N, C-alpha and C. Protein backbone atom coordinates (compact mmCIF):
# COMPACT_ATOMS: atom_id res chain seq x y z
N UNK A 1 100.91 121.64 147.34
CA UNK A 1 99.85 121.23 146.70
C UNK A 1 98.53 122.78 146.84
N UNK A 2 98.31 123.34 145.66
CA UNK A 2 97.30 124.35 146.17
C UNK A 2 96.08 124.17 146.52
N UNK A 3 95.57 125.21 146.68
CA UNK A 3 94.11 124.90 147.50
C UNK A 3 93.10 124.71 146.57
N UNK A 4 92.21 123.97 146.89
CA UNK A 4 91.12 123.93 145.82
C UNK A 4 90.04 124.90 145.59
N UNK A 5 89.72 124.93 144.65
CA UNK A 5 88.31 126.01 144.25
C UNK A 5 87.13 125.65 144.61
N UNK A 6 86.48 126.60 144.94
CA UNK A 6 85.04 126.32 145.58
C UNK A 6 84.41 125.31 144.66
N UNK A 7 84.54 125.54 143.32
CA UNK A 7 83.69 124.75 142.37
C UNK A 7 84.30 123.32 142.40
N UNK A 8 85.69 123.01 142.78
CA UNK A 8 86.21 121.60 143.09
C UNK A 8 85.93 121.14 144.11
N UNK A 9 85.40 122.14 145.43
CA UNK A 9 84.96 121.62 146.60
C UNK A 9 83.57 121.23 146.46
N UNK A 10 82.53 121.73 145.71
CA UNK A 10 81.15 121.65 145.34
C UNK A 10 81.36 120.20 144.93
N UNK A 11 82.18 119.94 143.71
CA UNK A 11 82.10 118.60 143.03
C UNK A 11 82.41 117.56 144.03
N UNK A 12 83.36 117.51 144.74
CA UNK A 12 83.89 116.61 145.77
C UNK A 12 82.55 116.24 147.06
N UNK A 13 82.15 117.44 147.16
CA UNK A 13 80.96 117.26 148.12
C UNK A 13 79.67 116.54 147.17
N UNK A 14 79.47 116.96 146.24
CA UNK A 14 78.26 115.88 145.62
C UNK A 14 78.83 114.56 145.48
N UNK A 15 79.80 114.23 145.33
CA UNK A 15 80.59 112.91 145.64
C UNK A 15 80.06 112.18 146.64
N UNK A 16 80.65 112.79 147.66
CA UNK A 16 80.30 112.50 148.73
C UNK A 16 78.77 112.05 149.16
N UNK A 17 77.70 113.04 148.75
CA UNK A 17 76.27 112.90 148.99
C UNK A 17 75.90 111.98 148.09
N UNK A 18 76.55 111.87 146.89
CA UNK A 18 76.24 110.67 145.71
C UNK A 18 76.51 109.16 146.32
N UNK A 19 77.80 109.11 146.82
CA UNK A 19 77.88 107.54 147.76
C UNK A 19 77.27 107.37 148.85
N UNK A 20 77.07 108.44 149.62
CA UNK A 20 75.98 108.01 150.71
C UNK A 20 74.68 107.83 150.51
N UNK A 21 74.45 108.45 149.43
CA UNK A 21 72.77 107.99 149.09
C UNK A 21 72.19 106.51 149.75
N UNK A 22 71.12 106.41 150.40
CA UNK A 22 70.40 105.53 150.89
C UNK A 22 71.30 104.68 151.91
N UNK A 23 72.47 105.33 151.90
CA UNK A 23 73.03 104.62 153.50
C UNK A 23 73.07 105.30 154.39
N UNK A 24 73.60 106.68 154.31
CA UNK A 24 73.79 107.70 155.31
C UNK A 24 73.29 109.02 154.96
N UNK A 25 72.56 109.85 155.86
CA UNK A 25 72.17 111.15 155.55
C UNK A 25 73.43 111.88 155.97
N UNK A 26 73.55 112.89 154.94
CA UNK A 26 75.08 113.90 155.84
C UNK A 26 74.28 115.01 155.77
N UNK A 27 74.75 115.97 157.09
CA UNK A 27 74.48 116.97 157.11
C UNK A 27 75.33 118.16 156.71
N UNK A 28 75.27 119.41 156.50
CA UNK A 28 76.08 120.25 155.90
C UNK A 28 77.19 120.43 156.75
N UNK A 29 77.60 120.13 157.98
CA UNK A 29 78.56 120.07 158.78
C UNK A 29 79.33 118.82 158.84
N UNK A 30 78.67 117.75 158.20
CA UNK A 30 79.48 116.32 158.00
C UNK A 30 80.51 116.87 156.89
N UNK A 31 79.80 117.40 155.88
CA UNK A 31 80.77 117.81 154.13
C UNK A 31 81.59 118.55 154.63
N UNK A 32 81.51 119.79 155.60
CA UNK A 32 82.47 120.81 155.77
C UNK A 32 83.32 120.05 156.77
N UNK A 33 83.56 119.20 157.48
CA UNK A 33 84.45 118.58 158.26
C UNK A 33 85.19 117.61 157.59
N UNK A 34 84.64 117.00 156.52
CA UNK A 34 85.27 116.26 155.55
C UNK A 34 86.06 116.83 154.52
N UNK A 35 85.87 117.96 154.03
CA UNK A 35 86.44 118.60 153.38
C UNK A 35 87.69 119.18 154.04
N UNK A 36 87.33 119.85 155.20
CA UNK A 36 88.71 120.29 156.24
C UNK A 36 89.47 118.90 156.16
N UNK A 37 89.05 118.26 156.38
CA UNK A 37 90.19 116.98 156.81
C UNK A 37 91.04 116.69 155.92
N UNK A 38 90.42 116.59 154.67
CA UNK A 38 91.14 116.86 153.39
C UNK A 38 92.37 117.81 152.97
N UNK A 39 91.33 118.87 153.28
CA UNK A 39 92.04 120.32 152.78
C UNK A 39 92.34 121.19 154.04
N UNK A 40 93.22 121.07 154.69
CA UNK A 40 93.27 121.77 156.10
C UNK A 40 92.90 123.47 155.76
N UNK A 41 93.81 123.62 154.77
CA UNK A 41 93.84 125.14 154.48
C UNK A 41 92.57 125.82 153.73
N UNK A 42 91.27 125.08 153.52
CA UNK A 42 89.73 125.36 153.28
C UNK A 42 89.20 125.79 154.79
N UNK A 43 88.73 126.97 154.26
CA UNK A 43 87.62 127.61 155.71
C UNK A 43 86.27 127.24 155.42
N UNK A 44 85.73 127.35 156.54
CA UNK A 44 84.07 127.22 156.48
C UNK A 44 83.56 128.12 155.21
N UNK A 45 83.85 129.23 155.38
CA UNK A 45 82.83 130.13 154.42
C UNK A 45 83.18 129.59 152.89
N UNK A 46 84.32 128.91 152.39
CA UNK A 46 84.57 128.35 150.96
C UNK A 46 83.57 126.84 151.06
N UNK A 47 83.50 126.27 152.26
CA UNK A 47 82.35 125.25 151.95
C UNK A 47 80.88 125.72 152.02
N UNK A 48 80.71 126.79 152.96
CA UNK A 48 79.31 127.19 152.83
C UNK A 48 79.00 127.75 151.18
N UNK A 49 80.10 128.29 150.52
CA UNK A 49 79.97 128.73 149.30
C UNK A 49 79.97 127.57 148.09
N UNK A 50 80.62 126.41 148.49
CA UNK A 50 80.44 125.22 147.69
C UNK A 50 78.84 124.51 147.74
N UNK A 51 78.47 124.61 149.07
CA UNK A 51 77.21 124.07 149.26
C UNK A 51 76.15 124.94 148.81
N UNK A 52 76.37 126.46 148.70
CA UNK A 52 75.32 127.00 148.19
C UNK A 52 75.43 126.69 146.58
N UNK A 53 76.48 126.78 145.83
CA UNK A 53 76.47 126.35 144.35
C UNK A 53 75.60 125.23 144.16
N UNK A 54 75.89 124.12 145.04
CA UNK A 54 74.95 122.79 144.56
C UNK A 54 73.81 122.85 145.02
N UNK A 55 73.34 123.65 145.66
CA UNK A 55 71.93 123.97 146.33
C UNK A 55 71.33 124.76 145.13
N UNK A 56 71.73 126.03 144.76
CA UNK A 56 71.33 126.71 143.52
C UNK A 56 71.24 126.25 142.22
N UNK A 57 72.22 125.33 141.97
CA UNK A 57 72.26 124.70 140.77
C UNK A 57 71.19 123.42 140.55
N UNK A 58 70.82 123.02 141.94
CA UNK A 58 69.80 121.89 141.88
C UNK A 58 70.38 120.69 141.68
N UNK A 59 71.57 120.42 141.76
CA UNK A 59 72.11 119.15 141.90
C UNK A 59 72.14 118.41 143.61
N UNK A 60 71.98 119.21 144.40
CA UNK A 60 71.47 118.78 145.82
C UNK A 60 70.40 119.55 146.31
N UNK A 61 69.53 119.09 147.08
CA UNK A 61 68.60 119.54 147.99
C UNK A 61 68.82 119.19 149.69
N UNK A 62 67.86 120.08 150.14
CA UNK A 62 67.84 119.97 151.52
C UNK A 62 66.77 119.07 151.73
N UNK A 63 66.80 118.44 152.71
CA UNK A 63 65.49 117.30 153.23
C UNK A 63 65.54 117.45 154.63
N UNK A 64 64.46 117.47 155.16
CA UNK A 64 64.55 117.45 156.78
C UNK A 64 63.80 116.18 156.96
N UNK A 65 64.54 115.63 158.01
CA UNK A 65 64.09 114.20 159.04
C UNK A 65 64.64 114.39 160.31
N UNK A 66 64.01 115.49 160.93
CA UNK A 66 64.44 115.61 162.31
C UNK A 66 65.57 115.95 162.37
N UNK A 67 66.16 116.75 161.47
CA UNK A 67 67.42 117.86 161.12
C UNK A 67 67.30 117.61 159.76
N UNK A 68 68.61 118.67 159.34
CA UNK A 68 68.49 118.91 157.63
C UNK A 68 69.88 118.28 157.18
N UNK A 69 69.29 117.69 156.04
CA UNK A 69 70.25 116.82 155.66
C UNK A 69 70.28 117.15 154.09
N UNK A 70 71.49 117.23 153.54
CA UNK A 70 71.93 117.34 152.10
C UNK A 70 71.82 115.80 151.34
N UNK A 71 70.78 116.16 150.33
CA UNK A 71 70.30 115.08 149.72
C UNK A 71 70.64 115.34 147.93
N UNK A 72 70.32 114.30 147.40
CA UNK A 72 70.36 114.42 145.90
C UNK A 72 68.71 114.66 145.67
N UNK A 73 68.46 115.32 144.59
CA UNK A 73 66.87 115.39 144.45
C UNK A 73 66.32 114.28 144.12
N UNK A 74 65.07 113.87 144.48
CA UNK A 74 64.46 112.46 144.43
C UNK A 74 63.70 113.02 143.12
N UNK A 75 63.49 111.71 142.25
CA UNK A 75 62.92 111.61 141.11
C UNK A 75 61.32 111.14 141.52
N UNK A 76 60.29 111.85 140.87
CA UNK A 76 58.69 111.59 141.13
C UNK A 76 58.67 110.23 140.25
N UNK A 77 57.68 109.38 140.72
CA UNK A 77 57.09 108.12 140.15
C UNK A 77 56.96 108.11 138.80
N UNK A 78 56.18 109.39 138.67
CA UNK A 78 55.36 109.55 137.49
C UNK A 78 56.18 110.72 136.63
N UNK A 79 57.43 111.03 137.10
CA UNK A 79 57.98 112.03 136.14
C UNK A 79 58.53 111.68 134.58
N UNK A 80 58.28 112.23 133.54
CA UNK A 80 58.95 111.66 132.24
C UNK A 80 60.51 111.89 132.37
N UNK A 81 61.21 111.16 132.06
CA UNK A 81 62.77 111.16 131.87
C UNK A 81 63.12 112.01 130.35
């Protein structure tokens, strides 16, 4: 099996964050460990690049609750859809 691209890793990380919303806060290290467990050939730098893609695109944001967590951006109550 070929190693996944950084974009594919970013998409899998996004899915993990989306599935855990409201249940568990995920740290960057949690995502990295999960990806490395699934794909042993992926290194930390690829995971960091994937997280950077998610942050730069606005699909995920950092939240701070006694530690840094990665979450989906929250919608404001008065925001127009």
